[in-house]
Protein backbone atom coordinates (compact mmCIF):
# COMPACT_ATOMS: atom_id res chain seq x y z
CA UNK A 1 24.85 57.55 14.51
CA UNK A 2 21.61 58.16 12.63
CA UNK A 3 19.81 60.25 15.24
CA UNK A 4 21.07 64.09 15.16
CA UNK A 5 22.45 65.08 18.64
CA UNK A 6 21.90 68.77 20.16
CA UNK A 7 23.99 71.59 18.37
CA UNK A 8 25.52 74.46 19.97
CA UNK A 9 26.25 77.55 17.99
CA UNK A 10 29.91 78.77 18.88
CA UNK A 11 31.87 81.83 17.15
CA UNK A 12 34.13 79.31 15.37
CA UNK A 13 31.27 77.16 14.07
CA UNK A 14 28.21 74.98 14.97
CA UNK A 15 28.88 71.46 16.27
CA UNK A 16 26.86 68.72 17.67
CA UNK A 17 27.49 67.14 21.10
CA UNK A 18 26.72 64.41 23.19
CA UNK A 19 26.19 64.55 27.07
CA UNK A 20 26.01 61.78 29.55
CA UNK A 21 25.47 61.49 33.46
CA UNK A 22 23.38 63.51 35.82
CA UNK A 23 22.60 67.18 35.07
CA UNK A 24 22.80 68.16 38.89
CA UNK A 25 26.02 66.40 39.54
CA UNK A 26 28.33 67.78 42.30
CA UNK A 27 31.34 65.89 40.81
CA UNK A 28 33.68 67.62 38.46
CA UNK A 29 32.60 67.76 34.89
CA UNK A 30 34.36 65.72 32.14
CA UNK A 31 34.93 66.98 28.60
CA UNK A 32 36.22 64.38 25.97
CA UNK A 33 38.38 65.40 22.88
CA UNK A 34 38.50 62.91 19.99
CA UNK A 35 40.56 62.84 16.95
CA UNK A 36 40.42 62.61 13.08
CA UNK A 37 37.36 60.54 11.31
CA UNK A 38 35.86 59.38 14.74
CA UNK A 39 33.00 60.85 16.67
CA UNK A 40 31.59 60.90 20.10
CA UNK A 41 31.21 57.02 20.18
CA UNK A 42 34.82 56.70 20.61
CA UNK A 43 34.31 57.98 24.24
CA UNK A 44 31.01 56.59 24.62
CA UNK A 45 31.86 53.38 26.72
CA UNK A 46 34.15 55.31 29.16
CA UNK A 47 31.35 58.43 29.44
CA UNK A 48 28.50 55.93 30.00
CA UNK A 49 30.76 54.31 32.99
CA UNK A 50 31.56 57.69 34.35
CA UNK A 51 27.96 58.81 34.25
CA UNK A 52 27.00 55.80 36.27
CA UNK A 53 29.51 57.00 38.93
CA UNK A 54 27.61 60.31 38.95
CA UNK A 55 30.20 62.58 36.68
CA UNK A 56 28.47 64.69 34.02
CA UNK A 57 30.26 64.31 30.72
CA UNK A 58 30.51 66.33 27.71
CA UNK A 59 31.66 65.01 24.05
CA UNK A 60 31.84 67.71 21.42
CA UNK A 61 31.45 66.15 17.89
CA UNK A 62 34.49 68.11 16.37
CA UNK A 63 34.74 68.69 12.89
CA UNK A 64 37.61 66.39 11.97
CA UNK A 65 36.00 64.07 9.29
CA UNK A 66 33.23 62.42 10.91
CA UNK A 67 31.10 65.49 11.52
CA UNK A 68 27.88 66.27 10.18
CA UNK A 69 27.43 69.65 10.09
CA UNK A 70 29.98 71.58 7.69
CA UNK A 71 32.37 73.72 9.26
CA UNK A 72 32.49 75.88 6.19
CA UNK A 73 35.15 77.71 4.09
CA UNK A 74 34.99 80.85 6.28
CA UNK A 75 36.20 79.01 9.40
CA UNK A 76 39.72 78.55 10.39
CA UNK A 77 39.91 74.82 9.37
CA UNK A 78 43.47 74.27 11.24
CA UNK A 79 44.53 72.54 14.26
CA UNK A 80 44.52 75.93 15.91
CA UNK A 81 41.11 76.63 14.61
CA UNK A 82 39.68 73.39 16.05
CA UNK A 83 41.58 74.30 19.37
CA UNK A 84 39.71 77.29 19.48
CA UNK A 85 36.27 75.74 18.99
CA UNK A 86 37.12 73.34 21.84
CA UNK A 87 37.91 76.46 24.27
CA UNK A 88 34.70 78.08 22.95
CA UNK A 89 32.67 74.95 23.83
CA UNK A 90 34.20 74.78 26.99
CA UNK A 91 33.64 78.25 27.95
CA UNK A 92 29.73 78.27 26.35
CA UNK A 93 28.94 75.42 29.15
CA UNK A 94 31.29 77.00 31.75
CA UNK A 95 33.28 73.77 32.01
CA UNK A 96 36.50 75.63 33.34
CA UNK A 97 36.37 73.20 36.58
CA UNK A 98 36.29 70.18 33.99
CA UNK A 99 38.76 67.19 33.52
CA UNK A 100 39.74 67.40 29.66
CA UNK A 101 40.45 63.95 28.33
CA UNK A 102 42.15 64.01 24.76
CA UNK A 103 42.95 61.01 22.41
CA UNK A 104 44.91 60.88 18.99
CA UNK A 105 44.64 64.13 17.01
CA UNK A 106 42.50 65.58 19.91
CA UNK A 107 45.74 65.44 21.88
CA UNK A 108 47.34 67.78 19.30
CA UNK A 109 44.24 69.89 19.06
CA UNK A 110 44.40 70.09 23.07
CA UNK A 111 48.26 71.16 23.20
CA UNK A 112 47.04 74.11 20.57
CA UNK A 113 44.23 75.05 23.09
CA UNK A 114 46.89 75.03 26.26
CA UNK A 115 49.22 77.14 24.21
CA UNK A 116 46.79 79.94 23.89
CA UNK A 117 45.13 79.36 27.42
CA UNK A 118 47.05 76.99 29.86
CA UNK A 119 44.12 77.43 32.29
CA UNK A 120 41.20 77.03 30.18
CA UNK A 121 40.32 73.70 32.12
CA UNK A 122 40.89 72.40 35.55
CA UNK A 123 43.11 68.96 34.96
CA UNK A 124 44.41 66.99 31.94
CA UNK A 125 44.04 63.32 30.98
CA UNK A 126 46.13 62.37 27.79
CA UNK A 127 45.48 59.07 26.06
CA UNK A 128 47.55 57.85 23.15
CA UNK A 129 48.02 60.92 21.07
CA UNK A 130 50.30 63.14 18.69
CA UNK A 131 53.05 65.19 20.30
CA UNK A 132 56.48 66.81 19.04
CA UNK A 133 56.66 66.10 15.15
CA UNK A 134 54.59 62.97 15.58
CA UNK A 135 51.65 64.35 13.73
CA UNK A 136 50.31 62.05 12.40
CA UNK A 137 52.30 59.00 13.05
CA UNK A 138 53.16 56.31 10.29
CA UNK A 139 51.31 54.93 8.34
CA UNK A 140 48.78 57.70 8.70
CA UNK A 141 51.36 60.34 7.57
CA UNK A 142 51.06 58.84 3.91
CA UNK A 143 47.33 58.41 4.15
CA UNK A 144 46.91 61.76 5.33
CA UNK A 145 48.98 63.04 2.48
CA UNK A 146 46.83 61.21 -0.21
CA UNK A 147 43.75 62.46 1.51
CA UNK A 148 44.74 66.08 1.04
CA UNK A 149 44.22 65.41 -2.71
CA UNK A 150 40.58 66.27 -3.51
CA UNK A 151 40.45 63.83 -6.49
CA UNK A 152 41.75 61.02 -4.23
CA UNK A 153 39.96 61.53 -1.02
CA UNK A 154 36.38 60.39 -2.21
CA UNK A 155 38.08 57.10 -3.85
CA UNK A 156 39.99 56.45 -0.75
CA UNK A 157 36.93 56.95 1.45
CA UNK A 158 35.10 54.42 -0.85
CA UNK A 159 37.61 52.13 -0.54
CA UNK A 160 37.14 52.26 3.11
CA UNK A 161 33.67 50.59 2.81
CA UNK A 162 35.34 47.13 2.52
CA UNK A 163 36.10 46.04 6.16
CA UNK A 164 39.08 43.80 5.13
CA UNK A 165 40.71 47.13 4.11
CA UNK A 166 38.97 49.36 6.81
CA UNK A 167 40.64 46.88 9.32
CA UNK A 168 44.03 46.56 7.85
CA UNK A 169 46.91 48.68 8.84
CA UNK A 170 45.99 51.28 6.27
CA UNK A 171 42.45 52.03 8.21
CA UNK A 172 41.95 51.10 11.98
CA UNK A 173 43.65 47.94 12.23
CA UNK A 174 46.60 49.71 14.20
CA UNK A 175 44.26 51.51 16.21
CA UNK A 176 42.45 48.97 18.30
CA UNK A 177 42.25 45.33 19.01
CA UNK A 178 38.91 44.03 18.06
CA UNK A 179 37.22 46.70 15.92
CA UNK A 180 33.08 46.65 15.51
CA UNK A 181 32.74 46.75 11.69
CA UNK A 182 29.50 48.85 12.08
CA UNK A 183 31.29 51.47 13.99
CA UNK A 184 34.06 51.79 11.89
CA UNK A 185 32.07 51.75 8.83
CA UNK A 186 29.72 54.67 9.92
CA UNK A 187 32.77 56.71 10.83
CA UNK A 188 33.53 57.18 7.23
CA UNK A 189 29.94 57.94 6.03
CA UNK A 190 30.02 61.57 6.30
CA UNK A 191 33.44 61.82 4.32
CA UNK A 192 31.61 59.40 1.75
CA UNK A 193 28.20 61.30 1.68
CA UNK A 194 28.80 65.22 1.68
CA UNK A 195 31.44 66.81 -0.28
CA UNK A 196 31.34 69.80 2.09
CA UNK A 197 32.63 67.40 4.86
CA UNK A 198 35.48 66.28 2.46
CA UNK A 199 36.25 69.61 1.89
CA UNK A 200 36.39 70.65 5.62
CA UNK A 201 38.76 67.54 6.14
CA UNK A 202 41.02 68.46 3.10
CA UNK A 203 41.45 72.05 4.66
CA UNK A 204 42.29 70.57 8.11
CA UNK A 205 44.69 68.07 6.94
CA UNK A 206 46.54 70.65 4.70
CA UNK A 207 46.86 72.85 7.88
CA UNK A 208 48.66 70.21 9.74
CA UNK A 209 52.16 70.93 10.35
CA UNK A 210 54.36 68.43 12.34
CA UNK A 211 56.87 71.38 12.70
CA UNK A 212 54.44 73.55 14.35
CA UNK A 213 53.44 70.83 16.95
CA UNK A 214 57.17 70.25 17.53
CA UNK A 215 57.36 73.86 18.60
CA UNK A 216 53.90 73.58 20.95
CA UNK A 217 54.64 70.37 22.72
CA UNK A 218 57.60 71.63 24.62
CA UNK A 219 55.66 74.58 25.65
CA UNK A 220 53.59 72.44 27.47
CA UNK A 221 56.23 73.04 30.38
CA UNK A 222 54.01 76.30 31.14
CA UNK A 223 51.01 74.13 32.02
CA UNK A 224 50.86 73.76 35.82
CA UNK A 225 47.88 71.80 35.84
CA UNK A 226 47.22 68.23 37.63
CA UNK A 227 47.94 65.71 34.38
CA UNK A 228 47.75 62.07 33.91
CA UNK A 229 48.58 59.82 31.04
CA UNK A 230 46.57 56.62 30.61
CA UNK A 231 48.38 55.14 27.76
CA UNK A 232 47.62 51.72 25.76
CA UNK A 233 50.45 49.53 25.87
CA UNK A 234 50.03 47.91 22.67
CA UNK A 235 50.14 51.20 20.50
CA UNK A 236 52.36 50.68 17.50
CA UNK A 237 51.71 54.39 16.38
CA UNK A 238 52.05 56.21 19.79
CA UNK A 239 54.43 54.13 21.63
CA UNK A 240 55.19 54.17 25.21
CA UNK A 241 58.31 55.70 24.76
CA UNK A 242 56.57 58.49 23.03
CA UNK A 243 54.15 58.51 25.66
CA UNK A 244 56.43 58.76 28.44
CA UNK A 245 58.61 61.64 26.72
CA UNK A 246 55.35 63.70 26.18
CA UNK A 247 54.48 63.45 29.86
CA UNK A 248 58.04 64.33 30.72
CA UNK A 249 57.43 67.94 29.48
CA UNK A 250 54.54 68.71 32.01
CA UNK A 251 55.48 69.93 35.38
CA UNK A 252 52.17 68.91 36.78
CA UNK A 253 50.61 70.88 39.72
CA UNK A 254 53.00 71.65 42.63
CA UNK A 255 55.86 70.33 40.40
CA UNK A 256 54.60 66.80 40.92
CA UNK A 257 55.09 65.96 37.13
CA UNK A 258 52.49 63.77 35.08
CA UNK A 259 51.73 60.29 36.29
CA UNK A 260 52.08 57.71 33.66
CA UNK A 261 49.69 54.79 33.55
CA UNK A 262 50.13 51.90 31.24
CA UNK A 263 46.76 50.07 30.05
CA UNK A 264 47.63 46.43 29.00
CA UNK A 265 45.71 44.79 25.82
CA UNK A 266 45.14 48.36 24.49
CA UNK A 267 46.17 50.41 21.47
CA UNK A 268 45.44 54.09 20.14
CA UNK A 269 41.72 53.73 20.87
CA UNK A 270 42.44 52.56 24.55
CA UNK A 271 38.75 53.81 25.45
CA UNK A 272 37.10 51.25 23.01
CA UNK A 273 39.90 48.34 23.89
CA UNK A 274 39.64 48.89 27.82
CA UNK A 275 36.84 51.21 28.76
CA UNK A 276 36.69 50.34 32.42
CA UNK A 277 40.55 50.71 32.97
CA UNK A 278 40.47 53.97 31.44
CA UNK A 279 37.07 55.25 33.36
CA UNK A 280 38.71 54.10 36.56
CA UNK A 281 41.91 56.01 35.90
CA UNK A 282 39.78 59.17 35.16
CA UNK A 283 37.41 58.96 37.85
CA UNK A 284 40.20 58.24 40.57
CA UNK A 285 42.33 61.14 39.09
CA UNK A 286 39.30 63.79 38.70
CA UNK A 287 37.99 62.71 42.48
CA UNK A 288 41.67 63.03 43.89
CA UNK A 289 42.43 66.37 42.02
CA UNK A 290 39.05 67.87 43.27
CA UNK A 291 39.95 67.22 46.75
CA UNK A 292 42.93 69.47 46.80
């Protein structure tokens, strides 16, 4: 991620973003929401496949630990603050007709955004993510607790330079089947190289409240949008049982509920483990929903 991406100045902060696909697409746009300590490249394989099908895709690089433009101490560096940034991004690019696809911590941020405005996008796809009081899941609850400590964060990030540790269950070992060392290593570069990024991340982690999300997730019953769940079957952090429980909250469009799709041979980062399966589900769902 050496090259800078385009930036957009929003009321809640300045962020980079990536785009894929034709600018003149007549298909509904797709917005992707990533989680903590990853960037737009989490979604790149899926976005490129959807771009080939003619979709215009947007991936904001949210200030959740792998960002390169500091969010800053004047910002609301909380999950709700991030959700406001997401809604501002959607509004700035006039993406209210979009399908929003969320993963991991991004699923929690998306719920906070929907809690403020249940109709800020047109349809939803949730992949393996936080919900209820599983925010974050084990073992990352311990990791996040340690990373909240200013004196510990930099040494912990420095330790992640070692592939064996980075790809262990304490790093990304639980999150995908076959990690790319170059990709996983570079995700930690902003935290390692910039104290301002570490400060942003500490503020965000300190604002995470499992109890708060536990009150927000049940309120997703008010979200009457088309919803689909595309869930990695092998995930030991966000299990199938957790995903199905989360899906059961949504009434879906016209009371149809949320369809739940299991993706074999995939963990939390289902977009990297099985990008073709994920892209196919998103394309079919988006096209179907747009024809209602």
